[in-house]
Structure formats: structure tokens, C-alpha cells
């Protein structure tokens, strides 16, 4: 009986630790969000920020097509968007 209780308790603790970890943030939103600063180095706010984020995220999404003209998907799309946003930051 003690063996069963200790196994259940250990499983509960392991599940609790796995649940306590924070989920990863989306890379694309974070990248554009981090670059949303004005020429004085202050973060953008309001309509200026909204416009910047739309432009930042939209341009790379539209360009994410393969050599056959089909839209990229999955890891290829994520990689392309990450590279596109990094190039736009330069």
C-alpha cells in the first residue's frame, strides 16, 4: 500500500513540475514587438505601434512562398519569417 501511495505521490509531483513551466512565446510577435521603437529609442505606442506591427508581420507573411509559387508551411515558413524579420531589422 505504501509503495502505491509513494508512486502516486511521485507521479503527481512530476506532473506538477511539468505543468509549472511557462509556455514558449511566439517568435514572430516577440521579434516585431522588440523592434517597435521610435528614433529616440522609446517604445512605440497606440496607432504608431499598431501600424508598425502590421507592417512588420505582414510583409514577411506575404513573401513566404516557395519556388513553385505555393505558400510555405510549418518549419520552412517559420524559418523564412524569422530570417525576413532579421533582414528587415538591418
N, C-alpha and C. Protein backbone atom coordinates (compact mmCIF):
# COMPACT_ATOMS: atom_id res chain seq x y z
N UNK A 1 0.82 -1.19 0.00
CA UNK A 1 0.00 0.00 0.00
C UNK A 1 0.87 1.26 0.00
N UNK A 2 1.92 1.24 0.83
CA UNK A 2 2.82 2.40 0.88
C UNK A 2 3.53 2.60 -0.46
N UNK A 3 3.85 1.51 -1.12
CA UNK A 3 4.53 1.60 -2.42
C UNK A 3 3.62 2.29 -3.45
N UNK A 4 2.36 1.94 -3.44
CA UNK A 4 1.40 2.53 -4.37
C UNK A 4 1.23 4.03 -4.07
N UNK A 5 1.07 4.38 -2.81
CA UNK A 5 0.91 5.78 -2.43
C UNK A 5 2.15 6.60 -2.79
N UNK A 6 3.32 6.06 -2.56
CA UNK A 6 4.53 6.81 -2.89
C UNK A 6 4.68 6.97 -4.40
N UNK A 7 4.27 5.98 -5.18
CA UNK A 7 4.32 6.07 -6.64
C UNK A 7 3.35 7.13 -7.15
N UNK A 8 2.15 7.13 -6.59
CA UNK A 8 1.14 8.12 -6.98
C UNK A 8 1.61 9.53 -6.61
N UNK A 9 2.17 9.68 -5.42
CA UNK A 9 2.66 10.98 -4.98
C UNK A 9 3.80 11.46 -5.88
N UNK A 10 4.71 10.58 -6.23
CA UNK A 10 5.82 10.93 -7.11
C UNK A 10 5.31 11.32 -8.50
N UNK A 11 4.33 10.62 -9.01
CA UNK A 11 3.76 10.95 -10.32
C UNK A 11 3.07 12.31 -10.26
N UNK A 12 2.38 12.58 -9.17
CA UNK A 12 1.72 13.87 -9.00
C UNK A 12 2.72 15.01 -8.97
N UNK A 13 3.81 14.84 -8.26
CA UNK A 13 4.84 15.87 -8.19
C UNK A 13 5.51 16.10 -9.55
N UNK A 14 5.76 15.03 -10.28
CA UNK A 14 6.37 15.17 -11.60
C UNK A 14 5.42 15.90 -12.56
N UNK A 15 4.15 15.58 -12.49
CA UNK A 15 3.18 16.26 -13.35
C UNK A 15 3.06 17.73 -12.97
N UNK A 16 3.14 18.02 -11.68
CA UNK A 16 3.06 19.39 -11.21
C UNK A 16 4.26 20.20 -11.69
N UNK A 17 5.44 19.63 -11.68
CA UNK A 17 6.63 20.33 -12.16
C UNK A 17 6.54 20.59 -13.67
N UNK A 18 6.05 19.63 -14.41
CA UNK A 18 5.92 19.80 -15.86
C UNK A 18 4.88 20.87 -16.18
N UNK A 19 3.85 20.94 -15.39
CA UNK A 19 2.80 21.94 -15.61
C UNK A 19 3.25 23.34 -15.23
N UNK A 20 4.19 23.46 -14.31
CA UNK A 20 4.62 24.75 -13.80
C UNK A 20 5.51 25.51 -14.79
N UNK A 21 6.06 24.83 -15.78
CA UNK A 21 6.94 25.50 -16.74
C UNK A 21 6.12 26.41 -17.64
N UNK A 22 6.65 27.58 -17.93
CA UNK A 22 5.96 28.57 -18.76
C UNK A 22 6.03 28.16 -20.22
N UNK A 23 4.97 28.40 -20.99
CA UNK A 23 4.99 28.08 -22.42
C UNK A 23 5.88 29.07 -23.17
N UNK A 24 6.42 28.62 -24.28
CA UNK A 24 7.28 29.47 -25.09
C UNK A 24 6.45 30.54 -25.80
N UNK A 25 6.99 31.73 -25.90
CA UNK A 25 6.31 32.83 -26.58
C UNK A 25 6.51 32.71 -28.09
N UNK A 26 5.57 33.14 -28.87
CA UNK A 26 5.75 33.12 -30.31
C UNK A 26 6.90 34.01 -30.75
N UNK A 27 7.76 33.50 -31.61
CA UNK A 27 8.95 34.22 -32.01
C UNK A 27 8.66 35.43 -32.86
N UNK A 28 7.74 35.31 -33.78
CA UNK A 28 7.48 36.41 -34.69
C UNK A 28 6.95 37.63 -33.98
N UNK A 29 6.01 37.44 -33.08
CA UNK A 29 5.44 38.58 -32.36
C UNK A 29 6.49 39.24 -31.49
N UNK A 30 7.31 38.45 -30.85
CA UNK A 30 8.33 38.99 -29.98
C UNK A 30 9.35 39.80 -30.76
N UNK A 31 9.74 39.32 -31.93
CA UNK A 31 10.73 40.00 -32.73
C UNK A 31 10.22 41.37 -33.17
N UNK A 32 9.03 41.43 -33.71
CA UNK A 32 8.47 42.70 -34.15
C UNK A 32 8.20 43.61 -32.96
N UNK A 33 7.73 43.04 -31.89
CA UNK A 33 7.42 43.81 -30.69
C UNK A 33 8.70 44.46 -30.14
N UNK A 34 9.79 43.74 -30.17
CA UNK A 34 11.05 44.27 -29.65
C UNK A 34 11.60 45.39 -30.52
N UNK A 35 11.32 45.36 -31.80
CA UNK A 35 11.83 46.38 -32.71
C UNK A 35 10.93 47.60 -32.82
N UNK A 36 9.81 47.59 -32.13
CA UNK A 36 8.85 48.70 -32.22
C UNK A 36 9.29 49.87 -31.34
N UNK A 37 10.35 50.55 -31.76
CA UNK A 37 10.85 51.71 -31.02
C UNK A 37 10.97 52.90 -31.98
N UNK A 38 10.86 54.10 -31.43
CA UNK A 38 10.98 55.28 -32.29
C UNK A 38 12.45 55.67 -32.45
N UNK A 39 12.71 56.76 -33.16
CA UNK A 39 14.09 57.15 -33.44
C UNK A 39 14.83 57.63 -32.20
N UNK A 40 14.11 57.93 -31.13
CA UNK A 40 14.73 58.35 -29.87
C UNK A 40 14.97 57.18 -28.93
N UNK A 41 14.59 55.98 -29.34
CA UNK A 41 14.80 54.79 -28.52
C UNK A 41 13.66 54.48 -27.57
N UNK A 42 12.57 55.20 -27.66
CA UNK A 42 11.42 54.95 -26.78
C UNK A 42 10.46 53.98 -27.49
N UNK A 43 9.77 53.14 -26.72
CA UNK A 43 8.82 52.21 -27.34
C UNK A 43 7.66 52.94 -28.01
N UNK A 44 7.24 52.41 -29.16
CA UNK A 44 6.08 52.98 -29.85
C UNK A 44 4.81 52.64 -29.07
N UNK A 45 3.78 53.47 -29.23
CA UNK A 45 2.51 53.25 -28.55
C UNK A 45 1.37 53.64 -29.47
N UNK A 46 0.20 53.10 -29.21
CA UNK A 46 -1.01 53.47 -29.94
C UNK A 46 -1.00 53.10 -31.40
N UNK A 47 -1.46 54.04 -32.24
CA UNK A 47 -1.60 53.78 -33.67
C UNK A 47 -0.25 53.55 -34.35
N UNK A 48 0.78 54.23 -33.88
CA UNK A 48 2.11 54.05 -34.48
C UNK A 48 2.60 52.62 -34.28
N UNK A 49 2.38 52.10 -33.08
CA UNK A 49 2.80 50.73 -32.78
C UNK A 49 1.99 49.72 -33.59
N UNK A 50 0.70 49.93 -33.65
CA UNK A 50 -0.17 49.04 -34.41
C UNK A 50 0.23 49.00 -35.88
N UNK A 51 0.49 50.17 -36.44
CA UNK A 51 0.90 50.27 -37.84
C UNK A 51 2.23 49.57 -38.06
N UNK A 52 3.18 49.79 -37.16
CA UNK A 52 4.50 49.16 -37.29
C UNK A 52 4.39 47.65 -37.22
N UNK A 53 3.63 47.12 -36.25
CA UNK A 53 3.49 45.68 -36.10
C UNK A 53 2.82 45.06 -37.31
N UNK A 54 1.81 45.73 -37.85
CA UNK A 54 1.11 45.21 -39.03
C UNK A 54 2.07 45.14 -40.22
N UNK A 55 2.86 46.17 -40.40
CA UNK A 55 3.83 46.21 -41.49
C UNK A 55 4.92 45.16 -41.29
N UNK A 56 5.41 45.06 -40.08
CA UNK A 56 6.49 44.12 -39.77
C UNK A 56 6.06 42.68 -40.00
N UNK A 57 4.89 42.31 -39.50
CA UNK A 57 4.42 40.94 -39.62
C UNK A 57 3.85 40.63 -41.00
N UNK A 58 3.23 41.61 -41.63
CA UNK A 58 2.56 41.40 -42.90
C UNK A 58 3.49 41.22 -44.08
N UNK A 59 4.56 41.97 -44.13
CA UNK A 59 5.46 41.89 -45.27
C UNK A 59 6.10 40.52 -45.40
N UNK A 60 6.54 39.96 -44.31
CA UNK A 60 7.20 38.66 -44.37
C UNK A 60 6.19 37.54 -44.66
N UNK A 61 4.98 37.66 -44.13
CA UNK A 61 3.95 36.65 -44.40
C UNK A 61 3.64 36.58 -45.90
N UNK A 62 3.55 37.74 -46.54
CA UNK A 62 3.20 37.78 -47.96
C UNK A 62 4.32 37.22 -48.83
N UNK A 63 5.54 37.35 -48.40
CA UNK A 63 6.68 36.88 -49.19
C UNK A 63 7.01 35.40 -48.97
N UNK A 64 6.34 34.74 -48.05
CA UNK A 64 6.66 33.35 -47.70
C UNK A 64 6.07 32.37 -48.71
N UNK A 65 6.68 32.31 -49.89
CA UNK A 65 6.24 31.38 -50.94
C UNK A 65 7.46 30.60 -51.43
N UNK A 66 7.21 29.38 -51.89
CA UNK A 66 8.32 28.56 -52.40
C UNK A 66 8.58 28.87 -53.87
N UNK A 67 9.54 28.14 -54.46
CA UNK A 67 9.93 28.42 -55.84
C UNK A 67 8.83 28.10 -56.85
N UNK A 68 7.83 27.31 -56.44
CA UNK A 68 6.71 26.97 -57.32
C UNK A 68 5.52 27.91 -57.15
N UNK A 69 5.66 28.90 -56.27
CA UNK A 69 4.59 29.86 -56.05
C UNK A 69 3.58 29.45 -54.99
N UNK A 70 3.83 28.33 -54.32
CA UNK A 70 2.92 27.88 -53.27
C UNK A 70 3.35 28.46 -51.93
N UNK A 71 2.40 28.72 -51.03
CA UNK A 71 2.75 29.26 -49.72
C UNK A 71 3.57 28.26 -48.90
N UNK A 72 4.56 28.76 -48.17
CA UNK A 72 5.34 27.91 -47.27
C UNK A 72 4.50 27.53 -46.07
N UNK A 73 4.85 26.42 -45.43
CA UNK A 73 4.13 25.97 -44.25
C UNK A 73 5.11 25.35 -43.26
N UNK A 74 4.73 25.31 -42.01
CA UNK A 74 5.49 24.64 -40.98
C UNK A 74 6.83 25.29 -40.68
N UNK A 75 7.86 24.43 -40.54
CA UNK A 75 9.18 24.91 -40.16
C UNK A 75 9.80 25.79 -41.23
N UNK A 76 9.53 25.50 -42.49
CA UNK A 76 10.08 26.32 -43.58
C UNK A 76 9.53 27.74 -43.50
N UNK A 77 8.25 27.86 -43.21
CA UNK A 77 7.62 29.19 -43.10
C UNK A 77 8.18 29.94 -41.89
N UNK A 78 8.30 29.25 -40.77
CA UNK A 78 8.82 29.88 -39.56
C UNK A 78 10.25 30.36 -39.77
N UNK A 79 11.05 29.53 -40.42
CA UNK A 79 12.44 29.90 -40.69
C UNK A 79 12.51 31.09 -41.63
N UNK A 80 11.70 31.09 -42.67
CA UNK A 80 11.70 32.19 -43.63
C UNK A 80 11.29 33.49 -42.95
N UNK A 81 10.23 33.46 -42.14
CA UNK A 81 9.76 34.66 -41.48
C UNK A 81 10.80 35.19 -40.51
N UNK A 82 11.46 34.29 -39.78
CA UNK A 82 12.49 34.71 -38.85
C UNK A 82 13.63 35.40 -39.59
N UNK A 83 14.07 34.84 -40.71
CA UNK A 83 15.14 35.43 -41.50
C UNK A 83 14.69 36.75 -42.12
N UNK A 84 13.47 36.80 -42.61
CA UNK A 84 12.93 38.02 -43.23
C UNK A 84 12.89 39.16 -42.22
N UNK A 85 12.42 38.88 -41.02
CA UNK A 85 12.35 39.91 -39.99
C UNK A 85 13.73 40.36 -39.54
N UNK A 86 14.68 39.42 -39.48
CA UNK A 86 16.04 39.78 -39.10
C UNK A 86 16.67 40.68 -40.17
N UNK A 87 16.42 40.37 -41.43
CA UNK A 87 16.95 41.20 -42.53
C UNK A 87 16.30 42.58 -42.53
N UNK A 88 15.02 42.65 -42.18
CA UNK A 88 14.32 43.94 -42.16
C UNK A 88 14.82 44.83 -41.04
N UNK A 89 15.37 44.22 -39.98
CA UNK A 89 15.87 45.00 -38.85
C UNK A 89 17.18 45.70 -39.18
N UNK A 90 17.88 45.24 -40.19
CA UNK A 90 19.19 45.81 -40.54
C UNK A 90 19.05 47.10 -41.29
